[in-house]
Amino acid sequence: MSTPTGPASGLPVRMPRPRQPGRHRRPEPLVAPEDAPALVLAVPGTPSSATRSLADEVVSIARSELPGLDARIGYLDGDDEEFPSLTSVLAHAAEERTARYEQARAAGSDVKEPDGPVAVVVPLLAGPDSALLRQVRQAVMDSRVAAELTDVLGPHPLLAEALHVRLSEAGLARADRARLFTVATAADGIILASVGGDEAVQAAGITGMLLAARLAVPVMAAALDQEGSIASVADQLRNAGSQQLALAPYLIGPEIDASLVEEAAKEADCPASEPLGPRAAQPGAAVHPHRARAAQAARARPGGRRERRPAQGEGHREAAREAQQGVLRRGVADPEADRRGVQGDHERPRPPLIPEAPHVATRQRRAPVRSADGGPSPCPGLDRVGAGPFRSPTTRYDRQERP
């Protein structure tokens, strides 16, 4: 078998290429640190094999986006046998972290006692649902584990792209190969169906605006759990001129019964696309809340705030700028700031003023205006001899100084 140090059986070994130095090198891939909290996906609804396959695919996408991530699945209505509940998953994650710390101490390693949240709980919801979010909070409190609860996945531009893909798969929107932007659409009006009341409808409306920008057709959000909401939105779209409507469920899938979507499509008298499903966990959508909460928790710990590393050449440019301008660093009083006219650390100093001679308000006496023969000129404004500024004949100074 080949090893990283060399081929064992004569076969070539692909060695990792060294990173290219310079300004245009590729960014380093993100890897979850060892002390990063676990990502626990809170799956609502009744557990089933379809729900488990959906959650597994979402977790797989999250792990591929952030290597080294400890991702787990917890069900709100789990039975702790085939489908582990969210409370038991959080408790098990806390026990494993404590066991790793004790094992490292027993091996003689100088490790710090783990602090911060044990896990970051991400609800598998596209929009806010107060009832389901209340269950998630209660499960986190029952576990008695320090865990951070993030917001739902939406609204997000990736969800608008996922809705576009689902509509194109159902034949309700045509997309080209360039970033899935639409060439033409089969539906001229989209009903975005959500669950969770008015708050969910407002959140779905934000994603609906992003979807409308992609499809160039009107998109309106409606509530599946409110009677008459789907029919009312369908009438509004038809009155606005839309003839071929389409229903796009703003749902991931497990949070609602699939029969409700079929009934809503019959009520609006239009075809419907599939729920978002794993499309809602496109690269970055499910990992972004975990990154934000983990970074926030790391900054809250004493000594856990990391300073930003300056870019290449940034320190030299800053030092040269300060040396040229004479601006002191932030937090240090500058006694000459008033003289230079500097209002702040980031403002460019004003150029020094050139001292001017004091202006004395004196009136210059002009030479008398004479004609060609030496006598007083009848037209002092046209025939002028001698020094002095030109004045119009109608100027009162000329009339007063006429000899």
Protein backbone atom coordinates (compact mmCIF):
# COMPACT_ATOMS: atom_id res chain seq x y z
CA MET A 1 0.00 0.00 0.00
CA SER A 2 1.28 3.46 -0.82
CA THR A 3 2.14 5.84 1.98
CA PRO A 4 2.41 9.63 2.02
CA THR A 5 6.20 9.37 2.27
CA GLY A 6 6.60 7.33 -0.91
CA PRO A 7 5.25 4.47 -3.01
CA ALA A 8 5.30 1.08 -1.37
CA SER A 9 4.62 -1.07 -4.42
CA GLY A 10 6.01 1.05 -7.19
CA LEU A 11 2.82 3.06 -7.72
CA PRO A 12 3.06 6.84 -7.88
CA VAL A 13 1.72 8.82 -4.98
CA ARG A 14 -0.03 12.13 -5.50
CA MET A 15 1.61 14.50 -3.04
CA PRO A 16 -0.09 17.75 -2.00
CA ARG A 17 1.28 20.72 -3.88
CA PRO A 18 2.71 23.54 -1.77
CA ARG A 19 0.74 26.73 -1.48
CA GLN A 20 1.77 29.43 -3.91
CA PRO A 21 3.07 32.57 -2.22
CA GLY A 22 2.00 36.04 -3.26
CA ARG A 23 -1.08 38.20 -3.31
CA HIS A 24 -3.04 36.05 -5.78
CA ARG A 25 -2.78 32.75 -3.98
CA ARG A 26 -5.92 30.75 -3.38
CA PRO A 27 -7.65 31.15 -0.02
CA GLU A 28 -7.03 28.47 2.52
CA PRO A 29 -9.92 26.00 2.92
CA LEU A 30 -11.97 26.43 6.06
CA VAL A 31 -11.66 23.64 8.61
CA ALA A 32 -13.61 23.42 11.85
CA PRO A 33 -11.27 23.81 14.87
CA GLU A 34 -10.97 21.06 17.43
CA ASP A 35 -12.85 22.97 20.13
CA ALA A 36 -15.68 24.02 17.82
CA PRO A 37 -19.18 23.25 19.10
CA ALA A 38 -21.16 20.52 17.43
CA LEU A 39 -23.85 21.32 14.91
CA VAL A 40 -27.14 19.72 15.93
CA LEU A 41 -29.87 19.77 13.31
CA ALA A 42 -33.30 20.05 14.97
CA VAL A 43 -35.71 18.16 12.71
CA PRO A 44 -39.44 18.90 13.29
CA GLY A 45 -42.39 16.73 12.40
CA THR A 46 -43.10 13.05 12.77
CA PRO A 47 -39.93 10.99 12.25
CA SER A 48 -39.88 8.60 9.30
CA SER A 49 -37.44 7.02 6.91
CA ALA A 50 -37.97 9.84 4.41
CA THR A 51 -37.30 12.41 7.11
CA ARG A 52 -34.13 10.61 8.17
CA SER A 53 -32.79 10.43 4.61
CA LEU A 54 -33.53 14.14 4.18
CA ALA A 55 -31.71 15.02 7.42
CA ASP A 56 -28.76 12.78 6.52
CA GLU A 57 -28.36 14.52 3.18
CA VAL A 58 -28.49 17.95 4.81
CA VAL A 59 -25.83 16.92 7.34
CA SER A 60 -23.68 15.46 4.55
CA ILE A 61 -23.78 18.76 2.69
CA ALA A 62 -22.83 20.63 5.87
CA ARG A 63 -19.85 18.33 6.49
CA SER A 64 -18.60 18.76 2.95
CA GLU A 65 -18.85 22.53 3.31
CA LEU A 66 -16.89 22.62 6.58
CA PRO A 67 -14.52 19.66 7.00
CA GLY A 68 -14.02 18.47 10.55
CA LEU A 69 -17.52 19.57 11.60
CA ASP A 70 -19.21 17.45 14.25
CA ALA A 71 -22.75 17.36 12.83
CA ARG A 72 -25.59 15.45 14.50
CA ILE A 73 -29.34 15.03 14.07
CA GLY A 74 -31.96 15.44 16.77
CA TYR A 75 -35.70 14.95 16.27
CA LEU A 76 -38.26 16.99 18.16
CA ASP A 77 -40.62 14.01 18.34
CA GLY A 78 -37.93 11.33 18.59
CA ASP A 79 -38.33 8.11 20.57
CA ASP A 80 -34.65 7.79 21.63
CA GLU A 81 -34.40 4.41 19.86
CA GLU A 82 -34.46 4.62 16.09
CA PHE A 83 -34.85 8.39 16.03
CA PRO A 84 -32.87 10.11 18.83
CA SER A 85 -34.55 13.12 20.40
CA LEU A 86 -32.96 16.54 20.46
CA THR A 87 -32.62 16.46 24.26
CA SER A 88 -30.70 13.17 24.27
CA VAL A 89 -28.43 14.26 21.42
CA LEU A 90 -27.42 17.42 23.30
CA ALA A 91 -26.79 15.50 26.52
CA HIS A 92 -24.68 12.93 24.67
CA ALA A 93 -22.60 15.69 23.04
CA ALA A 94 -21.88 17.23 26.44
CA GLU A 95 -20.83 13.86 27.86
CA GLU A 96 -18.48 13.20 24.98
CA ARG A 97 -16.78 16.58 25.37
CA THR A 98 -16.25 16.00 29.08
CA ALA A 99 -14.87 12.51 28.40
CA ARG A 100 -12.38 13.87 25.85
CA TYR A 101 -11.15 16.45 28.34
CA GLU A 102 -10.69 13.90 31.12
CA GLN A 103 -8.91 11.49 28.76
CA ALA A 104 -6.50 14.23 27.68
CA ARG A 105 -5.77 15.18 31.29
CA ALA A 106 -5.14 11.53 32.17
CA ALA A 107 -2.67 11.28 29.27
CA GLY A 108 -0.70 14.23 30.70
CA SER A 109 -1.67 16.77 28.06
CA ASP A 110 -1.86 20.39 29.08
CA VAL A 111 -5.37 21.21 27.86
CA LYS A 112 -7.77 23.88 28.98
CA GLU A 113 -11.06 23.06 30.52
CA PRO A 114 -13.73 23.24 27.82
CA ASP A 115 -15.91 26.30 27.95
CA GLY A 116 -18.44 27.90 25.69
CA PRO A 117 -21.47 26.22 24.13
CA VAL A 118 -21.47 22.47 23.68
CA ALA A 119 -23.53 22.62 20.51
CA VAL A 120 -25.17 25.02 18.11
CA VAL A 121 -28.76 24.00 17.37
CA VAL A 122 -29.99 24.85 13.84
CA PRO A 123 -33.76 24.39 13.29
CA LEU A 124 -34.52 22.70 9.98
CA LEU A 125 -37.08 25.35 9.05
CA ALA A 126 -37.20 27.65 6.05
CA GLY A 127 -39.22 30.32 7.87
CA PRO A 128 -40.15 31.23 11.44
CA ASP A 129 -42.78 29.03 13.07
CA SER A 130 -43.51 30.09 16.65
CA ALA A 131 -44.99 26.74 17.69
CA LEU A 132 -42.08 24.65 16.42
CA LEU A 133 -39.46 27.09 17.68
CA ARG A 134 -41.08 26.92 21.12
CA GLN A 135 -40.62 23.15 21.09
CA VAL A 136 -36.97 23.52 20.12
CA ARG A 137 -36.31 25.96 22.97
CA GLN A 138 -38.04 23.67 25.43
CA ALA A 139 -35.95 20.71 24.30
CA VAL A 140 -32.75 22.72 24.71
CA MET A 141 -33.80 23.79 28.22
CA ASP A 142 -34.70 20.22 29.20
CA SER A 143 -31.25 18.97 28.20
CA ARG A 144 -29.59 21.35 30.72
CA VAL A 145 -26.71 21.79 28.28
CA ALA A 146 -25.08 25.05 27.27
CA ALA A 147 -26.27 25.25 23.68
CA GLU A 148 -26.83 28.12 21.26
CA LEU A 149 -30.03 28.29 19.22
CA THR A 150 -29.77 29.92 15.82
CA ASP A 151 -32.40 31.44 13.59
CA VAL A 152 -34.14 29.55 10.83
CA LEU A 153 -32.52 29.11 7.43
CA GLY A 154 -34.48 31.84 5.71
CA PRO A 155 -34.82 34.34 4.29
CA HIS A 156 -31.69 33.72 2.21
CA PRO A 157 -30.70 34.10 -1.47
CA LEU A 158 -29.84 30.40 -1.60
CA LEU A 159 -33.43 29.55 -0.74
CA ALA A 160 -34.61 31.68 -3.66
CA GLU A 161 -32.28 29.72 -5.91
CA ALA A 162 -33.61 26.45 -4.45
CA LEU A 163 -37.20 27.55 -5.17
CA HIS A 164 -36.18 28.38 -8.71
CA VAL A 165 -34.67 24.92 -9.17
CA ARG A 166 -37.79 23.21 -7.82
CA LEU A 167 -40.01 25.21 -10.18
CA SER A 168 -37.80 24.34 -13.14
CA GLU A 169 -37.84 20.67 -12.19
CA ALA A 170 -41.65 20.76 -12.23
CA GLY A 171 -41.68 22.42 -15.66
CA LEU A 172 -43.04 25.69 -14.27
CA ALA A 173 -39.91 27.74 -14.96
CA ARG A 174 -37.17 27.29 -17.55
CA ALA A 175 -33.59 27.91 -16.51
CA ASP A 176 -30.44 28.06 -18.61
CA ARG A 177 -27.02 26.80 -17.72
CA ALA A 178 -25.55 30.12 -16.63
CA ARG A 179 -26.16 30.24 -12.89
CA LEU A 180 -29.75 29.04 -13.36
CA PHE A 181 -31.00 32.38 -14.59
CA THR A 182 -34.32 32.27 -16.37
CA VAL A 183 -34.75 32.63 -20.11
CA ALA A 184 -38.52 32.20 -20.12
CA THR A 185 -41.08 31.07 -17.59
CA ALA A 186 -44.13 28.91 -18.02
CA ALA A 187 -45.90 30.52 -15.05
CA ASP A 188 -46.55 34.25 -14.96
CA GLY A 189 -47.42 34.36 -11.25
CA ILE A 190 -45.99 32.48 -8.24
CA ILE A 191 -47.74 31.78 -4.93
CA LEU A 192 -45.16 31.25 -2.19
CA ALA A 193 -46.81 29.02 0.43
CA SER A 194 -45.40 29.12 3.97
CA VAL A 195 -46.37 27.88 7.43
CA GLY A 196 -46.18 29.88 10.64
CA GLY A 197 -48.71 32.68 10.47
CA ASP A 198 -48.18 36.32 9.56
CA GLU A 199 -44.55 36.35 10.68
CA ALA A 200 -43.74 33.49 8.33
CA VAL A 201 -45.56 35.21 5.46
CA GLN A 202 -43.51 38.38 5.96
CA ALA A 203 -40.25 36.40 6.01
CA ALA A 204 -41.30 34.49 2.91
CA GLY A 205 -42.03 37.77 1.17
CA ILE A 206 -38.34 38.71 1.36
CA THR A 207 -37.32 35.50 -0.36
CA GLY A 208 -40.22 36.06 -2.76
CA MET A 209 -38.71 39.37 -3.89
CA LEU A 210 -35.43 37.57 -4.67
CA LEU A 211 -37.34 34.91 -6.58
CA ALA A 212 -39.30 37.55 -8.51
CA ALA A 213 -36.02 39.17 -9.54
CA ARG A 214 -34.85 35.82 -10.94
CA LEU A 215 -38.07 34.92 -12.76
CA ALA A 216 -39.25 38.44 -13.72
CA VAL A 217 -42.80 37.53 -12.65
CA PRO A 218 -44.86 38.64 -9.62
CA VAL A 219 -44.43 36.53 -6.50
CA MET A 220 -46.75 36.79 -3.47
CA ALA A 221 -46.54 34.91 -0.18
CA ALA A 222 -49.49 33.18 1.49
CA ALA A 223 -50.05 31.05 4.59
CA LEU A 224 -50.96 27.39 4.31
CA ASP A 225 -52.25 27.27 7.87
CA GLN A 226 -54.70 30.16 7.40
CA GLU A 227 -58.01 29.40 5.74
CA GLY A 228 -58.64 31.35 2.55
CA SER A 229 -55.12 32.83 2.34
CA ILE A 230 -54.07 30.84 -0.73
CA ALA A 231 -57.31 31.60 -2.64
CA SER A 232 -57.09 35.30 -1.78
CA VAL A 233 -53.53 35.60 -3.09
CA ALA A 234 -54.46 33.68 -6.23
CA ASP A 235 -57.31 36.12 -6.92
CA GLN A 236 -54.96 39.07 -6.44
CA LEU A 237 -52.48 37.68 -8.95
CA ARG A 238 -55.20 36.96 -11.50
CA ASN A 239 -56.67 40.44 -11.10
CA ALA A 240 -53.18 41.84 -11.70
CA GLY A 241 -53.01 40.07 -15.07
CA SER A 242 -51.44 36.70 -14.30
CA GLN A 243 -53.13 33.81 -16.07
CA GLN A 244 -50.89 30.80 -15.42
CA LEU A 245 -50.15 30.51 -11.69
CA ALA A 246 -47.84 28.12 -9.87
CA LEU A 247 -47.60 27.17 -6.19
CA ALA A 248 -44.09 27.04 -4.69
CA PRO A 249 -44.00 25.55 -1.13
CA TYR A 250 -41.62 27.57 1.03
CA LEU A 251 -41.09 24.47 3.15
CA ILE A 252 -38.34 21.93 3.69
CA GLY A 253 -40.78 19.07 4.09
CA PRO A 254 -40.95 17.47 7.54
CA GLU A 255 -42.69 20.39 9.25
CA ILE A 256 -46.05 19.86 7.51
CA ASP A 257 -48.16 17.15 6.00
CA ALA A 258 -47.73 16.79 2.24
CA SER A 259 -51.51 16.61 1.74
CA LEU A 260 -51.85 20.27 2.72
CA VAL A 261 -49.79 21.32 -0.28
CA GLU A 262 -52.00 19.29 -2.62
CA GLU A 263 -55.13 20.83 -1.14
CA ALA A 264 -53.67 24.32 -1.51
CA ALA A 265 -52.85 23.66 -5.17
CA LYS A 266 -56.45 22.55 -5.78
CA GLU A 267 -57.74 25.64 -3.97
CA ALA A 268 -55.65 27.94 -6.14
CA ASP A 269 -56.39 25.84 -9.26
CA CYS A 270 -52.74 25.71 -10.29
CA PRO A 271 -49.87 23.19 -10.36
CA ALA A 272 -47.36 23.01 -7.51
CA SER A 273 -43.68 22.18 -7.22
CA GLU A 274 -42.00 19.98 -4.65
CA PRO A 275 -40.91 21.30 -1.23
CA LEU A 276 -37.34 22.50 -0.88
CA GLY A 277 -36.02 19.35 0.77
CA PRO A 278 -32.22 18.99 0.64
CA ARG A 279 -32.10 21.95 -1.74
CA ALA A 280 -32.53 24.18 1.32
CA ALA A 281 -29.11 23.03 2.56
CA GLN A 282 -27.15 24.23 -0.43
CA PRO A 283 -23.48 24.96 0.35
CA GLY A 284 -23.40 27.62 3.04
CA ALA A 285 -27.10 27.79 3.95
CA ALA A 286 -26.99 25.32 6.85
CA VAL A 287 -23.41 26.02 7.96
CA HIS A 288 -23.68 29.82 8.01
CA PRO A 289 -25.81 30.01 11.21
CA HIS A 290 -23.40 27.62 12.94
CA ARG A 291 -20.39 29.74 11.96
CA ALA A 292 -22.04 32.96 13.12
CA ARG A 293 -23.06 31.56 16.52
CA ALA A 294 -19.72 29.83 17.09
CA ALA A 295 -17.81 33.02 16.27
CA GLN A 296 -20.08 35.05 18.54
CA ALA A 297 -19.54 32.61 21.41
CA ALA A 298 -15.76 32.66 20.85
CA ARG A 299 -15.69 36.46 21.04
CA ALA A 300 -17.75 36.40 24.25
CA ARG A 301 -15.19 34.22 26.03
CA PRO A 302 -12.42 36.09 27.90
CA GLY A 303 -9.37 36.14 25.69
CA GLY A 304 -11.25 34.47 22.89
CA ARG A 305 -11.35 37.46 20.56
CA ARG A 306 -8.79 37.13 17.83
CA GLU A 307 -7.39 40.17 16.15
CA ARG A 308 -7.55 40.40 12.41
CA ARG A 309 -4.33 39.59 10.66
CA PRO A 310 -3.29 42.52 8.43
CA ALA A 311 -3.11 41.86 4.74
CA GLN A 312 0.15 41.79 2.89
CA GLY A 313 1.72 45.26 2.85
CA GLU A 314 -1.06 46.77 4.97
CA GLY A 315 1.19 47.39 7.98
CA HIS A 316 3.86 49.11 5.89
CA ARG A 317 1.32 51.33 4.17
CA GLU A 318 -0.21 52.30 7.51
CA ALA A 319 3.18 53.09 9.03
CA ALA A 320 4.19 55.18 6.03
CA ARG A 321 0.90 57.04 6.10
CA GLU A 322 1.25 57.83 9.80
CA ALA A 323 4.86 58.91 9.38
CA GLN A 324 3.94 61.21 6.51
CA GLN A 325 0.85 62.72 8.10
CA GLY A 326 2.01 62.67 11.70
CA VAL A 327 -1.23 61.11 12.87
CA LEU A 328 -0.91 59.34 16.20
CA ARG A 329 -2.43 55.91 16.79
CA ARG A 330 -5.94 55.43 18.08
CA GLY A 331 -6.38 56.13 21.76
CA VAL A 332 -3.39 58.51 22.07
CA ALA A 333 -4.03 62.20 22.49
CA ASP A 334 -2.61 64.40 19.74
CA PRO A 335 -1.78 67.90 20.99
CA GLU A 336 -1.16 69.22 17.47
CA ALA A 337 -4.39 67.98 15.97
CA ASP A 338 -6.02 71.41 16.14
CA ARG A 339 -3.06 73.08 14.46
CA ARG A 340 -3.04 70.57 11.61
CA GLY A 341 -6.83 70.52 11.34
CA VAL A 342 -7.17 66.78 11.91
CA GLN A 343 -10.62 65.83 13.16
CA GLY A 344 -10.01 62.10 13.61
CA ASP A 345 -7.57 59.29 13.14
CA HIS A 346 -8.88 58.35 9.72
CA GLU A 347 -9.22 61.83 8.22
CA ARG A 348 -6.63 63.31 5.97
CA PRO A 349 -4.96 66.37 7.54
CA ARG A 350 -5.76 69.67 5.94
CA PRO A 351 -2.93 71.44 4.07
CA PRO A 352 -1.21 74.22 6.03
CA LEU A 353 -2.48 77.71 5.40
CA ILE A 354 -0.17 80.24 3.73
CA PRO A 355 0.14 83.29 5.96
CA GLU A 356 -1.23 86.38 4.29
CA ALA A 357 -0.28 89.97 4.84
CA PRO A 358 -2.71 91.98 6.93
CA HIS A 359 -5.17 93.80 4.75
CA VAL A 360 -5.41 97.52 5.36
CA ALA A 361 -8.56 99.16 4.12
CA THR A 362 -7.08 102.21 2.34
CA ARG A 363 -8.55 104.08 -0.52
CA GLN A 364 -6.23 104.67 -3.43
CA ARG A 365 -6.36 108.15 -4.87
CA ARG A 366 -6.51 108.14 -8.59
CA ALA A 367 -4.81 110.51 -10.93
CA PRO A 368 -6.95 113.28 -12.40
CA VAL A 369 -8.47 112.61 -15.77
CA ARG A 370 -7.18 114.97 -18.47
CA SER A 371 -7.94 115.48 -22.12
CA ALA A 372 -5.37 115.63 -24.92
CA ASP A 373 -4.78 119.41 -24.48
CA GLY A 374 -4.30 119.07 -20.74
CA GLY A 375 -7.72 120.30 -19.73
CA PRO A 376 -10.52 118.40 -17.96
CA SER A 377 -11.86 115.58 -20.12
CA PRO A 378 -15.59 115.67 -20.95
CA CYS A 379 -15.63 111.84 -21.10
CA PRO A 380 -13.54 110.56 -18.22
CA GLY A 381 -14.51 106.96 -18.93
CA LEU A 382 -13.26 106.97 -22.55
CA ASP A 383 -10.26 109.27 -22.59
CA ARG A 384 -8.21 108.41 -19.49
CA VAL A 385 -4.64 109.36 -18.86
CA GLY A 386 -2.69 108.31 -15.79
CA ALA A 387 -2.69 105.46 -13.29
CA GLY A 388 -5.75 104.15 -11.56
CA PRO A 389 -8.43 101.51 -12.07
CA PHE A 390 -10.89 101.92 -14.91
CA ARG A 391 -14.32 103.07 -13.84
CA SER A 392 -17.49 103.42 -15.80
CA PRO A 393 -18.65 106.98 -16.51
CA THR A 394 -21.75 106.28 -14.47
CA THR A 395 -19.80 105.34 -11.36
CA ARG A 396 -20.36 107.80 -8.56
CA TYR A 397 -16.65 107.87 -7.69
CA ASP A 398 -15.82 109.30 -11.11
CA ARG A 399 -18.52 111.92 -10.78
CA GLN A 400 -17.29 112.92 -7.33
CA GLU A 401 -13.58 113.08 -8.25
CA ARG A 402 -14.10 115.03 -11.45
CA PRO A 403 -12.13 118.28 -11.05
